[in-house]
Amino acid sequence: MIFAAACQTGITSVSQDNASELIGMLRPLTLYKNKNVILSLWQVDDTATTFFVEVFYSELKKQKNYTKAFLAARKRTKEEYPRPFYWAAFYLSTNI
């Protein structure tokens, strides 16, 4: 599991024209059996990100399922911070 909660970890260049950026970043991260990767697609808010990460790991501990924990964290963060800017930045890639 890799959770890169920093700003724009899913973007590999500054150019918005490169549609393959996300895939380019995921390839080396999943190459060595990292089956679950969470990246951010834009600059994220520190407070909302902290909330998201705490909920994610709390749910993961309870549910033992990355996808369910991710969706629960997104839902709870959306309830706390309704604007998509705060909760929609994160992308989960699973390779089961």
PDB file of N, CA and C in Angstrom:
ATOM      1  N   MET A   1       0.849  -1.176   0.000  1.00  0.00           N
ATOM      2  CA  MET A   1       0.000   0.000   0.000  1.00  0.00           C
ATOM      3  C   MET A   1       0.889   1.231   0.000  1.00  0.00           C
ATOM      4  N   ILE A   2       0.626   2.111  -0.935  1.00  0.00           N
ATOM      5  CA  ILE A   2       1.288   3.409  -0.973  1.00  0.00           C
ATOM      6  C   ILE A   2       0.212   4.474  -0.906  1.00  0.00           C
ATOM      7  N   PHE A   3       0.327   5.385   0.039  1.00  0.00           N
ATOM      8  CA  PHE A   3      -0.600   6.510   0.157  1.00  0.00           C
ATOM      9  C   PHE A   3       0.241   7.775   0.096  1.00  0.00           C
ATOM     10  N   ALA A   4       0.250   8.406  -1.060  1.00  0.00           N
ATOM     11  CA  ALA A   4       1.009   9.636  -1.254  1.00  0.00           C
ATOM     12  C   ALA A   4       0.041  10.807  -1.106  1.00  0.00           C
ATOM     13  N   ALA A   5      -0.091  11.304   0.108  1.00  0.00           N
ATOM     14  CA  ALA A   5      -1.095  12.316   0.427  1.00  0.00           C
ATOM     15  C   ALA A   5      -0.625  13.746   0.193  1.00  0.00           C
ATOM     16  N   ALA A   6       0.536  13.909  -0.404  1.00  0.00           N
ATOM     17  CA  ALA A   6       1.039  15.263  -0.673  1.00  0.00           C
ATOM     18  C   ALA A   6       0.358  15.840  -1.915  1.00  0.00           C
ATOM     19  N   CYS A   7       0.644  17.076  -2.202  1.00  0.00           N
ATOM     20  CA  CYS A   7       0.016  17.772  -3.331  1.00  0.00           C
ATOM     21  C   CYS A   7       0.434  17.198  -4.675  1.00  0.00           C
ATOM     22  N   GLN A   8      -0.521  16.889  -5.485  1.00  0.00           N
ATOM     23  CA  GLN A   8      -0.350  16.480  -6.877  1.00  0.00           C
ATOM     24  C   GLN A   8       0.598  15.299  -7.067  1.00  0.00           C
ATOM     25  N   THR A   9       0.548  14.320  -6.209  1.00  0.00           N
ATOM     26  CA  THR A   9       1.431  13.167  -6.351  1.00  0.00           C
ATOM     27  C   THR A   9       1.066  12.322  -7.563  1.00  0.00           C
ATOM     28  N   GLY A  10      -0.140  12.489  -8.080  1.00  0.00           N
ATOM     29  CA  GLY A  10      -0.549  11.732  -9.259  1.00  0.00           C
ATOM     30  C   GLY A  10      -0.207  12.409 -10.561  1.00  0.00           C
ATOM     31  N   ILE A  11       0.408  13.583 -10.498  1.00  0.00           N
ATOM     32  CA  ILE A  11       0.756  14.324 -11.697  1.00  0.00           C
ATOM     33  C   ILE A  11       2.273  14.281 -11.856  1.00  0.00           C
ATOM     34  N   THR A  12       2.734  13.898 -13.044  1.00  0.00           N
ATOM     35  CA  THR A  12       4.175  13.742 -13.238  1.00  0.00           C
ATOM     36  C   THR A  12       4.838  14.929 -13.918  1.00  0.00           C
ATOM     37  N   SER A  13       4.059  15.872 -14.450  1.00  0.00           N
ATOM     38  CA  SER A  13       4.648  17.069 -15.047  1.00  0.00           C
ATOM     39  C   SER A  13       3.715  18.242 -14.831  1.00  0.00           C
ATOM     40  N   VAL A  14       4.184  19.406 -15.143  1.00  0.00           N
ATOM     41  CA  VAL A  14       3.380  20.604 -14.929  1.00  0.00           C
ATOM     42  C   VAL A  14       2.359  20.782 -16.049  1.00  0.00           C
ATOM     43  N   SER A  15       2.584  20.169 -17.175  1.00  0.00           N
ATOM     44  CA  SER A  15       1.710  20.322 -18.330  1.00  0.00           C
ATOM     45  C   SER A  15       0.373  19.635 -18.102  1.00  0.00           C
ATOM     46  N   GLN A  16      -0.691  20.343 -18.407  1.00  0.00           N
ATOM     47  CA  GLN A  16      -2.030  19.765 -18.308  1.00  0.00           C
ATOM     48  C   GLN A  16      -2.401  19.020 -19.590  1.00  0.00           C
ATOM     49  N   ASP A  17      -1.534  19.047 -20.603  1.00  0.00           N
ATOM     50  CA  ASP A  17      -1.822  18.439 -21.903  1.00  0.00           C
ATOM     51  C   ASP A  17      -1.519  16.941 -21.948  1.00  0.00           C
ATOM     52  N   ASN A  18      -0.826  16.418 -20.969  1.00  0.00           N
ATOM     53  CA  ASN A  18      -0.396  15.031 -21.002  1.00  0.00           C
ATOM     54  C   ASN A  18      -1.415  14.136 -20.302  1.00  0.00           C
ATOM     55  N   ALA A  19      -2.254  13.472 -21.068  1.00  0.00           N
ATOM     56  CA  ALA A  19      -3.316  12.631 -20.515  1.00  0.00           C
ATOM     57  C   ALA A  19      -2.775  11.354 -19.885  1.00  0.00           C
ATOM     58  N   SER A  20      -1.549  10.970 -20.191  1.00  0.00           N
ATOM     59  CA  SER A  20      -0.997   9.718 -19.661  1.00  0.00           C
ATOM     60  C   SER A  20      -0.204   9.929 -18.371  1.00  0.00           C
ATOM     61  N   GLU A  21      -0.241  11.121 -17.806  1.00  0.00           N
ATOM     62  CA  GLU A  21       0.543  11.399 -16.604  1.00  0.00           C
ATOM     63  C   GLU A  21       0.239  10.446 -15.460  1.00  0.00           C
ATOM     64  N   LEU A  22      -1.041  10.249 -15.162  1.00  0.00           N
ATOM     65  CA  LEU A  22      -1.429   9.399 -14.041  1.00  0.00           C
ATOM     66  C   LEU A  22      -0.926   7.980 -14.250  1.00  0.00           C
ATOM     67  N   ILE A  23      -1.090   7.471 -15.448  1.00  0.00           N
ATOM     68  CA  ILE A  23      -0.629   6.123 -15.736  1.00  0.00           C
ATOM     69  C   ILE A  23       0.894   6.050 -15.612  1.00  0.00           C
ATOM     70  N   GLY A  24       1.583   7.083 -16.064  1.00  0.00           N
ATOM     71  CA  GLY A  24       3.041   7.108 -15.953  1.00  0.00           C
ATOM     72  C   GLY A  24       3.503   7.034 -14.514  1.00  0.00           C
ATOM     73  N   MET A  25       2.791   7.670 -13.615  1.00  0.00           N
ATOM     74  CA  MET A  25       3.154   7.654 -12.198  1.00  0.00           C
ATOM     75  C   MET A  25       2.813   6.309 -11.553  1.00  0.00           C
ATOM     76  N   LEU A  26       1.716   5.729 -11.944  1.00  0.00           N
ATOM     77  CA  LEU A  26       1.293   4.456 -11.350  1.00  0.00           C
ATOM     78  C   LEU A  26       2.190   3.289 -11.740  1.00  0.00           C
ATOM     79  N   ARG A  27       2.690   3.313 -12.940  1.00  0.00           N
ATOM     80  CA  ARG A  27       3.483   2.168 -13.426  1.00  0.00           C
ATOM     81  C   ARG A  27       4.648   1.826 -12.502  1.00  0.00           C
ATOM     82  N   PRO A  28       5.546   2.764 -12.168  1.00  0.00           N
ATOM     83  CA  PRO A  28       6.652   2.372 -11.276  1.00  0.00           C
ATOM     84  C   PRO A  28       6.187   2.038  -9.859  1.00  0.00           C
ATOM     85  N   LEU A  29       5.096   2.636  -9.419  1.00  0.00           N
ATOM     86  CA  LEU A  29       4.619   2.358  -8.059  1.00  0.00           C
ATOM     87  C   LEU A  29       3.999   0.964  -7.946  1.00  0.00           C
ATOM     88  N   THR A  30       3.400   0.482  -9.018  1.00  0.00           N
ATOM     89  CA  THR A  30       2.771  -0.835  -8.986  1.00  0.00           C
ATOM     90  C   THR A  30       3.698  -1.940  -9.491  1.00  0.00           C
ATOM     91  N   LEU A  31       4.827  -1.570 -10.025  1.00  0.00           N
ATOM     92  CA  LEU A  31       5.769  -2.539 -10.587  1.00  0.00           C
ATOM     93  C   LEU A  31       6.250  -3.556  -9.559  1.00  0.00           C
ATOM     94  N   TYR A  32       6.473  -3.115  -8.336  1.00  0.00           N
ATOM     95  CA  TYR A  32       7.029  -4.001  -7.308  1.00  0.00           C
ATOM     96  C   TYR A  32       5.978  -4.475  -6.324  1.00  0.00           C
ATOM     97  N   LYS A  33       4.856  -4.901  -6.859  1.00  0.00           N
ATOM     98  CA  LYS A  33       3.787  -5.539  -6.085  1.00  0.00           C
ATOM     99  C   LYS A  33       3.071  -4.620  -5.103  1.00  0.00           C
ATOM    100  N   ASN A  34       3.123  -3.316  -5.327  1.00  0.00           N
ATOM    101  CA  ASN A  34       2.295  -2.399  -4.554  1.00  0.00           C
ATOM    102  C   ASN A  34       0.908  -2.435  -5.191  1.00  0.00           C
ATOM    103  N   LYS A  35       0.018  -3.193  -4.602  1.00  0.00           N
ATOM    104  CA  LYS A  35      -1.283  -3.426  -5.222  1.00  0.00           C
ATOM    105  C   LYS A  35      -2.273  -2.294  -5.028  1.00  0.00           C
ATOM    106  N   ASN A  36      -2.075  -1.462  -4.039  1.00  0.00           N
ATOM    107  CA  ASN A  36      -3.003  -0.371  -3.758  1.00  0.00           C
ATOM    108  C   ASN A  36      -2.219   0.931  -3.625  1.00  0.00           C
ATOM    109  N   VAL A  37      -2.596   1.901  -4.445  1.00  0.00           N
ATOM    110  CA  VAL A  37      -1.897   3.181  -4.458  1.00  0.00           C
ATOM    111  C   VAL A  37      -2.943   4.292  -4.427  1.00  0.00           C
ATOM    112  N   ILE A  38      -2.755   5.243  -3.521  1.00  0.00           N
ATOM    113  CA  ILE A  38      -3.611   6.426  -3.470  1.00  0.00           C
ATOM    114  C   ILE A  38      -2.737   7.633  -3.771  1.00  0.00           C
ATOM    115  N   LEU A  39      -3.143   8.397  -4.787  1.00  0.00           N
ATOM    116  CA  LEU A  39      -2.431   9.594  -5.204  1.00  0.00           C
ATOM    117  C   LEU A  39      -3.392  10.768  -5.206  1.00  0.00           C
ATOM    118  N   SER A  40      -2.841  11.967  -5.198  1.00  0.00           N
ATOM    119  CA  SER A  40      -3.700  13.152  -5.299  1.00  0.00           C
ATOM    120  C   SER A  40      -3.515  13.786  -6.675  1.00  0.00           C
ATOM    121  N   LEU A  41      -4.603  14.339  -7.198  1.00  0.00           N
ATOM    122  CA  LEU A  41      -4.587  14.874  -8.552  1.00  0.00           C
ATOM    123  C   LEU A  41      -4.406  16.383  -8.607  1.00  0.00           C
ATOM    124  N   TRP A  42      -4.470  17.053  -7.471  1.00  0.00           N
ATOM    125  CA  TRP A  42      -4.204  18.492  -7.407  1.00  0.00           C
ATOM    126  C   TRP A  42      -3.733  18.849  -6.018  1.00  0.00           C
ATOM    127  N   GLN A  43      -3.349  20.108  -5.840  1.00  0.00           N
ATOM    128  CA  GLN A  43      -2.893  20.556  -4.526  1.00  0.00           C
ATOM    129  C   GLN A  43      -4.032  20.393  -3.530  1.00  0.00           C
ATOM    130  N   VAL A  44      -3.731  19.800  -2.400  1.00  0.00           N
ATOM    131  CA  VAL A  44      -4.767  19.463  -1.425  1.00  0.00           C
ATOM    132  C   VAL A  44      -4.667  20.342  -0.180  1.00  0.00           C
ATOM    133  N   ASP A  45      -5.773  20.481   0.494  1.00  0.00           N
ATOM    134  CA  ASP A  45      -5.852  21.223   1.745  1.00  0.00           C
ATOM    135  C   ASP A  45      -5.330  20.343   2.879  1.00  0.00           C
ATOM    136  N   ASP A  46      -4.447  20.876   3.700  1.00  0.00           N
ATOM    137  CA  ASP A  46      -3.831  20.082   4.775  1.00  0.00           C
ATOM    138  C   ASP A  46      -4.845  19.537   5.773  1.00  0.00           C
ATOM    139  N   THR A  47      -5.777  20.365   6.193  1.00  0.00           N
ATOM    140  CA  THR A  47      -6.746  19.943   7.209  1.00  0.00           C
ATOM    141  C   THR A  47      -7.684  18.863   6.671  1.00  0.00           C
ATOM    142  N   ALA A  48      -8.219  19.078   5.483  1.00  0.00           N
ATOM    143  CA  ALA A  48      -9.125  18.094   4.887  1.00  0.00           C
ATOM    144  C   ALA A  48      -8.385  16.795   4.568  1.00  0.00           C
ATOM    145  N   THR A  49      -7.136  16.909   4.142  1.00  0.00           N
ATOM    146  CA  THR A  49      -6.337  15.719   3.844  1.00  0.00           C
ATOM    147  C   THR A  49      -6.054  14.923   5.106  1.00  0.00           C
ATOM    148  N   THR A  50      -5.731  15.610   6.179  1.00  0.00           N
ATOM    149  CA  THR A  50      -5.517  14.930   7.459  1.00  0.00           C
ATOM    150  C   THR A  50      -6.767  14.172   7.862  1.00  0.00           C
ATOM    151  N   PHE A  51      -7.915  14.804   7.724  1.00  0.00           N
ATOM    152  CA  PHE A  51      -9.193  14.163   8.038  1.00  0.00           C
ATOM    153  C   PHE A  51      -9.384  12.921   7.174  1.00  0.00           C
ATOM    154  N   PHE A  52      -9.165  13.062   5.861  1.00  0.00           N
ATOM    155  CA  PHE A  52      -9.317  11.944   4.921  1.00  0.00           C
ATOM    156  C   PHE A  52      -8.413  10.780   5.307  1.00  0.00           C
ATOM    157  N   VAL A  53      -7.147  11.063   5.565  1.00  0.00           N
ATOM    158  CA  VAL A  53      -6.172  10.022   5.898  1.00  0.00           C
ATOM    159  C   VAL A  53      -6.554   9.312   7.203  1.00  0.00           C
ATOM    160  N   GLU A  54      -6.956  10.074   8.207  1.00  0.00           N
ATOM    161  CA  GLU A  54      -7.346   9.469   9.483  1.00  0.00           C
ATOM    162  C   GLU A  54      -8.560   8.562   9.322  1.00  0.00           C
ATOM    163  N   VAL A  55      -9.546   9.023   8.578  1.00  0.00           N
ATOM    164  CA  VAL A  55     -10.738   8.196   8.349  1.00  0.00           C
ATOM    165  C   VAL A  55     -10.364   6.963   7.535  1.00  0.00           C
ATOM    166  N   PHE A  56      -9.547   7.137   6.511  1.00  0.00           N
ATOM    167  CA  PHE A  56      -9.150   5.999   5.673  1.00  0.00           C
ATOM    168  C   PHE A  56      -8.505   4.899   6.514  1.00  0.00           C
ATOM    169  N   TYR A  57      -7.515   5.254   7.308  1.00  0.00           N
ATOM    170  CA  TYR A  57      -6.811   4.229   8.091  1.00  0.00           C
ATOM    171  C   TYR A  57      -7.682   3.648   9.206  1.00  0.00           C
ATOM    172  N   SER A  58      -8.559   4.447   9.752  1.00  0.00           N
ATOM    173  CA  SER A  58      -9.491   3.931  10.749  1.00  0.00           C
ATOM    174  C   SER A  58     -10.425   2.900  10.118  1.00  0.00           C
ATOM    175  N   GLU A  59     -10.942   3.230   8.943  1.00  0.00           N
ATOM    176  CA  GLU A  59     -11.835   2.304   8.234  1.00  0.00           C
ATOM    177  C   GLU A  59     -11.079   1.064   7.755  1.00  0.00           C
ATOM    178  N   LEU A  60      -9.846   1.248   7.317  1.00  0.00           N
ATOM    179  CA  LEU A  60      -9.055   0.112   6.851  1.00  0.00           C
ATOM    180  C   LEU A  60      -8.806  -0.866   7.996  1.00  0.00           C
ATOM    181  N   LYS A  61      -8.562  -0.329   9.166  1.00  0.00           N
ATOM    182  CA  LYS A  61      -8.352  -1.182  10.344  1.00  0.00           C
ATOM    183  C   LYS A  61      -9.610  -1.999  10.648  1.00  0.00           C
ATOM    184  N   LYS A  62     -10.778  -1.369  10.498  1.00  0.00           N
ATOM    185  CA  LYS A  62     -12.043  -2.057  10.777  1.00  0.00           C
ATOM    186  C   LYS A  62     -12.443  -3.024   9.664  1.00  0.00           C
ATOM    187  N   GLN A  63     -12.365  -2.565   8.424  1.00  0.00           N
ATOM    188  CA  GLN A  63     -12.921  -3.326   7.304  1.00  0.00           C
ATOM    189  C   GLN A  63     -11.914  -4.232   6.587  1.00  0.00           C
ATOM    190  N   LYS A  64     -10.622  -3.931   6.717  1.00  0.00           N
ATOM    191  CA  LYS A  64      -9.580  -4.717   6.051  1.00  0.00           C
ATOM    192  C   LYS A  64      -9.766  -4.780   4.529  1.00  0.00           C
ATOM    193  N   ASN A  65     -10.342  -3.703   3.963  1.00  0.00           N
ATOM    194  CA  ASN A  65     -10.598  -3.650   2.525  1.00  0.00           C
ATOM    195  C   ASN A  65     -10.268  -2.240   2.046  1.00  0.00           C
ATOM    196  N   TYR A  66      -9.291  -2.141   1.147  1.00  0.00           N
ATOM    197  CA  TYR A  66      -8.818  -0.834   0.705  1.00  0.00           C
ATOM    198  C   TYR A  66      -9.900  -0.022  -0.006  1.00  0.00           C
ATOM    199  N   THR A  67     -10.636  -0.658  -0.881  1.00  0.00           N
ATOM    200  CA  THR A  67     -11.665   0.060  -1.632  1.00  0.00           C
ATOM    201  C   THR A  67     -12.764   0.571  -0.716  1.00  0.00           C
ATOM    202  N   LYS A  68     -13.240  -0.266   0.183  1.00  0.00           N
ATOM    203  CA  LYS A  68     -14.295   0.161   1.111  1.00  0.00           C
ATOM    204  C   LYS A  68     -13.799   1.270   2.033  1.00  0.00           C
ATOM    205  N   ALA A  69     -12.569   1.148   2.500  1.00  0.00           N
ATOM    206  CA  ALA A  69     -12.000   2.180   3.370  1.00  0.00           C
ATOM    207  C   ALA A  69     -11.849   3.496   2.615  1.00  0.00           C
ATOM    208  N   PHE A  70     -11.418   3.421   1.365  1.00  0.00           N
ATOM    209  CA  PHE A  70     -11.269   4.614   0.542  1.00  0.00           C
ATOM    210  C   PHE A  70     -12.619   5.292   0.318  1.00  0.00           C
ATOM    211  N   LEU A  71     -13.615   4.506  -0.050  1.00  0.00           N
ATOM    212  CA  LEU A  71     -14.948   5.074  -0.294  1.00  0.00           C
ATOM    213  C   LEU A  71     -15.560   5.654   0.977  1.00  0.00           C
ATOM    214  N   ALA A  72     -15.338   5.009   2.103  1.00  0.00           N
ATOM    215  CA  ALA A  72     -15.835   5.534   3.380  1.00  0.00           C
ATOM    216  C   ALA A  72     -15.145   6.848   3.725  1.00  0.00           C
ATOM    217  N   ALA A  73     -13.833   6.913   3.494  1.00  0.00           N
ATOM    218  CA  ALA A  73     -13.092   8.145   3.769  1.00  0.00           C
ATOM    219  C   ALA A  73     -13.565   9.269   2.858  1.00  0.00           C
ATOM    220  N   ARG A  74     -13.812   8.958   1.601  1.00  0.00           N
ATOM    221  CA  ARG A  74     -14.302   9.986   0.686  1.00  0.00           C
ATOM    222  C   ARG A  74     -15.683  10.481   1.113  1.00  0.00           C
ATOM    223  N   LYS A  75     -16.541   9.547   1.488  1.00  0.00           N
ATOM    224  CA  LYS A  75     -17.897   9.924   1.909  1.00  0.00           C
ATOM    225  C   LYS A  75     -17.872  10.800   3.161  1.00  0.00           C
ATOM    226  N   ARG A  76     -17.111  10.380   4.164  1.00  0.00           N
ATOM    227  CA  ARG A  76     -17.041  11.151   5.415  1.00  0.00           C
ATOM    228  C   ARG A  76     -16.391  12.512   5.206  1.00  0.00           C
ATOM    229  N   THR A  77     -15.368  12.557   4.362  1.00  0.00           N
ATOM    230  CA  THR A  77     -14.719  13.828   4.071  1.00  0.00           C
ATOM    231  C   THR A  77     -15.672  14.739   3.305  1.00  0.00           C
ATOM    232  N   LYS A  78     -16.443  14.168   2.402  1.00  0.00           N
ATOM    233  CA  LYS A  78     -17.430  14.948   1.640  1.00  0.00           C
ATOM    234  C   LYS A  78     -18.491  15.530   2.571  1.00  0.00           C
ATOM    235  N   GLU A  79     -18.885  14.776   3.580  1.00  0.00           N
ATOM    236  CA  GLU A  79     -19.864  15.280   4.553  1.00  0.00           C
ATOM    237  C   GLU A  79     -19.284  16.439   5.364  1.00  0.00           C
ATOM    238  N   GLU A  80     -18.016  16.341   5.708  1.00  0.00           N
ATOM    239  CA  GLU A  80     -17.346  17.362   6.518  1.00  0.00           C
ATOM    240  C   GLU A  80     -16.929  18.580   5.679  1.00  0.00           C
ATOM    241  N   TYR A  81     -16.506  18.306   4.443  1.00  0.00           N
ATOM    242  CA  TYR A  81     -16.032  19.344   3.516  1.00  0.00           C
ATOM    243  C   TYR A  81     -16.750  19.145   2.181  1.00  0.00           C
ATOM    244  N   PRO A  82     -17.939  19.727   2.005  1.00  0.00           N
ATOM    245  CA  PRO A  82     -18.784  19.433   0.838  1.00  0.00           C
ATOM    246  C   PRO A  82     -18.190  19.782  -0.534  1.00  0.00           C
ATOM    247  N   ARG A  83     -17.337  20.772  -0.612  1.00  0.00           N
ATOM    248  CA  ARG A  83     -16.782  21.149  -1.922  1.00  0.00           C
ATOM    249  C   ARG A  83     -15.854  20.057  -2.445  1.00  0.00           C
ATOM    250  N   PRO A  84     -16.003  19.639  -3.716  1.00  0.00           N
ATOM    251  CA  PRO A  84     -15.161  18.577  -4.282  1.00  0.00           C
ATOM    252  C   PRO A  84     -13.660  18.854  -4.189  1.00  0.00           C
ATOM    253  N   PHE A  85     -13.277  20.103  -4.153  1.00  0.00           N
ATOM    254  CA  PHE A  85     -11.861  20.444  -4.010  1.00  0.00           C
ATOM    255  C   PHE A  85     -11.233  19.698  -2.832  1.00  0.00           C
ATOM    256  N   TYR A  86     -11.986  19.500  -1.766  1.00  0.00           N
ATOM    257  CA  TYR A  86     -11.450  18.911  -0.542  1.00  0.00           C
ATOM    258  C   TYR A  86     -11.426  17.387  -0.537  1.00  0.00           C
ATOM    259  N   TRP A  87     -12.357  16.748  -1.220  1.00  0.00           N
ATOM    260  CA  TRP A  87     -12.449  15.287  -1.108  1.00  0.00           C
ATOM    261  C   TRP A  87     -12.216  14.532  -2.414  1.00  0.00           C
ATOM    262  N   ALA A  88     -12.294  15.210  -3.547  1.00  0.00           N
ATOM    263  CA  ALA A  88     -12.214  14.503  -4.830  1.00  0.00           C
ATOM    264  C   ALA A  88     -10.804  14.423  -5.410  1.00  0.00           C
ATOM    265  N   ALA A  89      -9.834  14.982  -4.737  1.00  0.00           N
ATOM    266  CA  ALA A  89      -8.464  14.991  -5.265  1.00  0.00           C
ATOM    267  C   ALA A  89      -7.823  13.605  -5.259  1.00  0.00           C
ATOM    268  N   PHE A  90      -8.302  12.720  -4.402  1.00  0.00           N
ATOM    269  CA  PHE A  90      -7.631  11.440  -4.228  1.00  0.00           C
ATOM    270  C   PHE A  90      -8.134  10.380  -5.192  1.00  0.00           C
ATOM    271  N   TYR A  91      -7.190   9.601  -5.675  1.00  0.00           N
ATOM    272  CA  TYR A  91      -7.455   8.545  -6.651  1.00  0.00           C
ATOM    273  C   TYR A  91      -6.892   7.243  -6.102  1.00  0.00           C
ATOM    274  N   LEU A  92      -7.714   6.214  -6.096  1.00  0.00           N
ATOM    275  CA  LEU A  92      -7.262   4.896  -5.642  1.00  0.00           C
ATOM    276  C   LEU A  92      -7.072   3.981  -6.846  1.00  0.00           C
ATOM    277  N   SER A  93      -5.907   3.417  -6.939  1.00  0.00           N
ATOM    278  CA  SER A  93      -5.636   2.415  -7.968  1.00  0.00           C
ATOM    279  C   SER A  93      -5.454   1.078  -7.250  1.00  0.00           C
ATOM    280  N   THR A  94      -6.234   0.100  -7.649  1.00  0.00           N
ATOM    281  CA  THR A  94      -6.080  -1.232  -7.059  1.00  0.00           C
ATOM    282  C   THR A  94      -5.699  -2.224  -8.150  1.00  0.00           C
ATOM    283  N   ASN A  95      -4.818  -3.101  -7.816  1.00  0.00           N
ATOM    284  CA  ASN A  95      -4.348  -4.111  -8.754  1.00  0.00           C
ATOM    285  C   ASN A  95      -4.371  -5.439  -8.016  1.00  0.00           C
ATOM    286  N   ILE A  96      -5.507  -6.080  -8.040  1.00  0.00           N
ATOM    287  CA  ILE A  96      -5.681  -7.287  -7.251  1.00  0.00           C
ATOM    288  C   ILE A  96      -5.319  -8.523  -8.055  1.00  0.00           C
TER     289      ILE A  96
END
